[in-house]
C-alpha atoms as a PDB file:
ATOM      1  CA  UNK A   1       8.855 -24.145  52.904  1.00  0.00           C
ATOM      2  CA  UNK A   2       9.869 -26.869  50.560  1.00  0.00           C
ATOM      3  CA  UNK A   3       8.032 -27.933  47.385  1.00  0.00           C
ATOM      4  CA  UNK A   4       7.505 -31.509  46.519  1.00  0.00           C
ATOM      5  CA  UNK A   5       9.714 -32.995  43.805  1.00  0.00           C
ATOM      6  CA  UNK A   6       6.750 -33.812  41.526  1.00  0.00           C
ATOM      7  CA  UNK A   7       5.431 -30.235  41.656  1.00  0.00           C
ATOM      8  CA  UNK A   8       8.890 -28.833  40.890  1.00  0.00           C
ATOM      9  CA  UNK A   9       9.320 -31.183  37.916  1.00  0.00           C
ATOM     10  CA  UNK A  10       5.911 -30.099  36.550  1.00  0.00           C
ATOM     11  CA  UNK A  11       6.800 -26.412  37.010  1.00  0.00           C
ATOM     12  CA  UNK A  12      10.151 -26.853  35.195  1.00  0.00           C
ATOM     13  CA  UNK A  13       8.430 -28.667  32.318  1.00  0.00           C
ATOM     14  CA  UNK A  14       6.003 -25.705  31.838  1.00  0.00           C
ATOM     15  CA  UNK A  15       8.883 -23.210  31.869  1.00  0.00           C
ATOM     16  CA  UNK A  16      10.599 -25.082  29.016  1.00  0.00           C
ATOM     17  CA  UNK A  17       7.390 -25.159  26.933  1.00  0.00           C
ATOM     18  CA  UNK A  18       6.608 -21.442  27.233  1.00  0.00           C
ATOM     19  CA  UNK A  19       9.391 -20.072  24.964  1.00  0.00           C
ATOM     20  CA  UNK A  20       8.286 -22.438  22.188  1.00  0.00           C
ATOM     21  CA  UNK A  21       4.695 -21.388  22.687  1.00  0.00           C
ATOM     22  CA  UNK A  22       5.622 -17.701  22.440  1.00  0.00           C
ATOM     23  CA  UNK A  23       7.754 -18.342  19.332  1.00  0.00           C
ATOM     24  CA  UNK A  24       4.929 -20.287  17.679  1.00  0.00           C
ATOM     25  CA  UNK A  25       2.418 -17.511  18.437  1.00  0.00           C
ATOM     26  CA  UNK A  26       4.830 -14.899  17.075  1.00  0.00           C
ATOM     27  CA  UNK A  27       5.394 -16.975  13.918  1.00  0.00           C
ATOM     28  CA  UNK A  28       1.660 -17.341  13.296  1.00  0.00           C
ATOM     29  CA  UNK A  29       1.192 -13.602  13.820  1.00  0.00           C
ATOM     30  CA  UNK A  30       3.918 -12.785  11.289  1.00  0.00           C
ATOM     31  CA  UNK A  31       2.403 -15.187   8.737  1.00  0.00           C
ATOM     32  CA  UNK A  32      -1.056 -13.686   9.249  1.00  0.00           C
ATOM     33  CA  UNK A  33       0.270 -10.123   8.849  1.00  0.00           C
ATOM     34  CA  UNK A  34       2.108 -11.146   5.683  1.00  0.00           C
ATOM     35  CA  UNK A  35      -1.111 -12.556   4.199  1.00  0.00           C
ATOM     36  CA  UNK A  36      -2.980  -9.339   4.996  1.00  0.00           C
ATOM     37  CA  UNK A  37      -0.185  -7.240   3.444  1.00  0.00           C
ATOM     38  CA  UNK A  38      -0.303  -9.351   0.270  1.00  0.00           C
ATOM     39  CA  UNK A  39      -4.072  -8.946   0.035  1.00  0.00           C
ATOM     40  CA  UNK A  40      -3.950  -5.142   0.217  1.00  0.00           C
ATOM     41  CA  UNK A  41      -2.607  -3.820  -3.085  1.00  0.00           C
ATOM     42  CA  UNK A  42       0.163  -1.238  -2.896  1.00  0.00           C
ATOM     43  CA  UNK A  43      -0.807   1.521  -5.293  1.00  0.00           C
ATOM     44  CA  UNK A  44       1.707   4.149  -6.202  1.00  0.00           C
ATOM     45  CA  UNK A  45       0.261   7.307  -7.684  1.00  0.00           C
ATOM     46  CA  UNK A  46       0.885   7.836 -11.375  1.00  0.00           C
ATOM     47  CA  UNK A  47       1.231  11.227 -13.041  1.00  0.00           C
ATOM     48  CA  UNK A  48      -1.675  12.318 -15.245  1.00  0.00           C
ATOM     49  CA  UNK A  49      -0.745  13.566 -18.731  1.00  0.00           C
ATOM     50  CA  UNK A  50      -2.480  16.868 -19.517  1.00  0.00           C
ATOM     51  CA  UNK A  51      -2.214  18.556 -22.928  1.00  0.00           C
ATOM     52  CA  UNK A  52      -2.499  22.283 -23.305  1.00  0.00           C
ATOM     53  CA  UNK A  53      -0.678  25.483 -24.090  1.00  0.00           C
ATOM     54  CA  UNK A  54       2.169  27.254 -22.367  1.00  0.00           C
ATOM     55  CA  UNK A  55       0.694  30.725 -22.811  1.00  0.00           C
ATOM     56  CA  UNK A  56       3.412  32.788 -21.128  1.00  0.00           C
ATOM     57  CA  UNK A  57       6.980  32.215 -19.962  1.00  0.00           C
ATOM     58  CA  UNK A  58       8.646  34.376 -17.323  1.00  0.00           C
ATOM     59  CA  UNK A  59      12.313  33.369 -17.454  1.00  0.00           C
ATOM     60  CA  UNK A  60      13.318  35.874 -14.774  1.00  0.00           C
ATOM     61  CA  UNK A  61      10.941  34.369 -12.205  1.00  0.00           C
ATOM     62  CA  UNK A  62      11.532  30.849 -13.564  1.00  0.00           C
ATOM     63  CA  UNK A  63       7.846  30.059 -14.192  1.00  0.00           C
ATOM     64  CA  UNK A  64       5.417  29.523 -17.068  1.00  0.00           C
ATOM     65  CA  UNK A  65       1.629  29.704 -17.315  1.00  0.00           C
ATOM     66  CA  UNK A  66      -0.212  26.657 -18.654  1.00  0.00           C
ATOM     67  CA  UNK A  67      -3.795  26.529 -19.955  1.00  0.00           C
ATOM     68  CA  UNK A  68      -5.545  23.184 -20.534  1.00  0.00           C
ATOM     69  CA  UNK A  69      -7.082  22.669 -23.958  1.00  0.00           C
ATOM     70  CA  UNK A  70      -9.291  25.631 -24.780  1.00  0.00           C
ATOM     71  CA  UNK A  71      -9.788  26.830 -21.200  1.00  0.00           C
ATOM     72  CA  UNK A  72      -9.293  30.518 -20.499  1.00  0.00           C
ATOM     73  CA  UNK A  73      -7.877  29.947 -17.004  1.00  0.00           C
ATOM     74  CA  UNK A  74      -4.245  29.029 -16.525  1.00  0.00           C
ATOM     75  CA  UNK A  75      -1.988  27.787 -13.751  1.00  0.00           C
ATOM     76  CA  UNK A  76       1.606  28.675 -13.003  1.00  0.00           C
ATOM     77  CA  UNK A  77       4.352  26.009 -12.916  1.00  0.00           C
ATOM     78  CA  UNK A  78       8.123  26.128 -12.376  1.00  0.00           C
ATOM     79  CA  UNK A  79      10.244  26.426 -15.495  1.00  0.00           C
ATOM     80  CA  UNK A  80      13.111  24.412 -14.025  1.00  0.00           C
ATOM     81  CA  UNK A  81      11.902  20.825 -14.141  1.00  0.00           C
ATOM     82  CA  UNK A  82      13.575  17.615 -13.105  1.00  0.00           C
ATOM     83  CA  UNK A  83      12.773  16.225 -16.538  1.00  0.00           C
ATOM     84  CA  UNK A  84      11.433  17.281 -19.935  1.00  0.00           C
ATOM     85  CA  UNK A  85      11.041  15.448 -23.228  1.00  0.00           C
ATOM     86  CA  UNK A  86      11.876  17.096 -26.550  1.00  0.00           C
ATOM     87  CA  UNK A  87      10.005  16.681 -29.868  1.00  0.00           C
ATOM     88  CA  UNK A  88      12.143  13.629 -30.743  1.00  0.00           C
ATOM     89  CA  UNK A  89      11.281  11.833 -27.487  1.00  0.00           C
ATOM     90  CA  UNK A  90      14.694  12.403 -25.872  1.00  0.00           C
ATOM     91  CA  UNK A  91      14.583  12.960 -22.094  1.00  0.00           C
ATOM     92  CA  UNK A  92      16.530  15.962 -20.857  1.00  0.00           C
ATOM     93  CA  UNK A  93      16.957  18.019 -17.681  1.00  0.00           C
ATOM     94  CA  UNK A  94      16.794  21.744 -16.920  1.00  0.00           C
ATOM     95  CA  UNK A  95      14.587  24.252 -18.699  1.00  0.00           C
ATOM     96  CA  UNK A  96      12.592  22.962 -21.686  1.00  0.00           C
ATOM     97  CA  UNK A  97      13.972  24.451 -24.903  1.00  0.00           C
ATOM     98  CA  UNK A  98      10.492  24.764 -26.365  1.00  0.00           C
ATOM     99  CA  UNK A  99       9.562  27.185 -23.577  1.00  0.00           C
ATOM    100  CA  UNK A 100      12.766  29.158 -23.112  1.00  0.00           C
ATOM    101  CA  UNK A 101      13.502  30.273 -26.672  1.00  0.00           C
ATOM    102  CA  UNK A 102       9.930  31.095 -27.792  1.00  0.00           C
ATOM    103  CA  UNK A 103       7.619  33.983 -27.161  1.00  0.00           C
ATOM    104  CA  UNK A 104       4.549  32.539 -28.935  1.00  0.00           C
ATOM    105  CA  UNK A 105       2.307  30.066 -27.089  1.00  0.00           C
ATOM    106  CA  UNK A 106       3.625  26.480 -27.246  1.00  0.00           C
ATOM    107  CA  UNK A 107       1.720  23.203 -27.226  1.00  0.00           C
ATOM    108  CA  UNK A 108       2.996  21.000 -24.391  1.00  0.00           C
ATOM    109  CA  UNK A 109       1.944  17.993 -22.367  1.00  0.00           C
ATOM    110  CA  UNK A 110       2.487  18.120 -18.627  1.00  0.00           C
ATOM    111  CA  UNK A 111       2.743  15.089 -16.370  1.00  0.00           C
ATOM    112  CA  UNK A 112       0.980  16.206 -13.189  1.00  0.00           C
ATOM    113  CA  UNK A 113       0.881  14.309  -9.910  1.00  0.00           C
ATOM    114  CA  UNK A 114      -1.929  15.089  -7.466  1.00  0.00           C
ATOM    115  CA  UNK A 115      -0.940  14.677  -3.827  1.00  0.00           C
ATOM    116  CA  UNK A 116      -3.730  14.531  -1.276  1.00  0.00           C
ATOM    117  CA  UNK A 117      -3.159  16.778   1.711  1.00  0.00           C
ATOM    118  CA  UNK A 118      -4.139  16.402   5.343  1.00  0.00           C
ATOM    119  CA  UNK A 119      -6.352  19.399   6.221  1.00  0.00           C
ATOM    120  CA  UNK A 120      -6.279  18.555   9.945  1.00  0.00           C
ATOM    121  CA  UNK A 121      -2.502  19.024   9.879  1.00  0.00           C
ATOM    122  CA  UNK A 122      -2.726  22.224   7.838  1.00  0.00           C
ATOM    123  CA  UNK A 123      -1.466  20.585   4.624  1.00  0.00           C
ATOM    124  CA  UNK A 124      -3.522  21.331   1.514  1.00  0.00           C
ATOM    125  CA  UNK A 125      -3.797  19.251  -1.635  1.00  0.00           C
ATOM    126  CA  UNK A 126      -0.867  19.744  -3.966  1.00  0.00           C
ATOM    127  CA  UNK A 127      -0.347  19.329  -7.715  1.00  0.00           C
ATOM    128  CA  UNK A 128       3.265  18.569  -8.650  1.00  0.00           C
ATOM    129  CA  UNK A 129       4.759  18.977 -12.102  1.00  0.00           C
ATOM    130  CA  UNK A 130       6.713  15.808 -12.877  1.00  0.00           C
ATOM    131  CA  UNK A 131       7.713  16.501 -16.477  1.00  0.00           C
ATOM    132  CA  UNK A 132       7.092  18.633 -19.561  1.00  0.00           C
ATOM    133  CA  UNK A 133       6.802  17.178 -23.066  1.00  0.00           C
ATOM    134  CA  UNK A 134       7.245  19.582 -25.984  1.00  0.00           C
ATOM    135  CA  UNK A 135       4.670  18.994 -28.720  1.00  0.00           C
ATOM    136  CA  UNK A 136       5.472  21.836 -31.180  1.00  0.00           C
END
């Protein structure tokens, strides 16, 4: 069965218009998504500075115990840190000198980053030690 010439011309004209229509719809979608992305602020977590006392250092295990302010409870953190800052404000790597060479409690400031876990996936909240700043 043969189509009429007018119907075939109309059909061909619609086929040529469709790619432009799809491209225009895709372009508008990309622009709309870009506007939404700009409206939602990207917020990177920042470490929280916490002052306290390094009450005990266990060099063999590579950890130290830290107590906030005057609190009696303490938490254990790794002694080998990606970064620490000495009394003069110089950034260094490795074990903080103020913790390694001393036996008496030392005043320090920790930069702690709280990471929210996903309990449904079996991942608990986590507190990461970003840096140690020696105060004494």
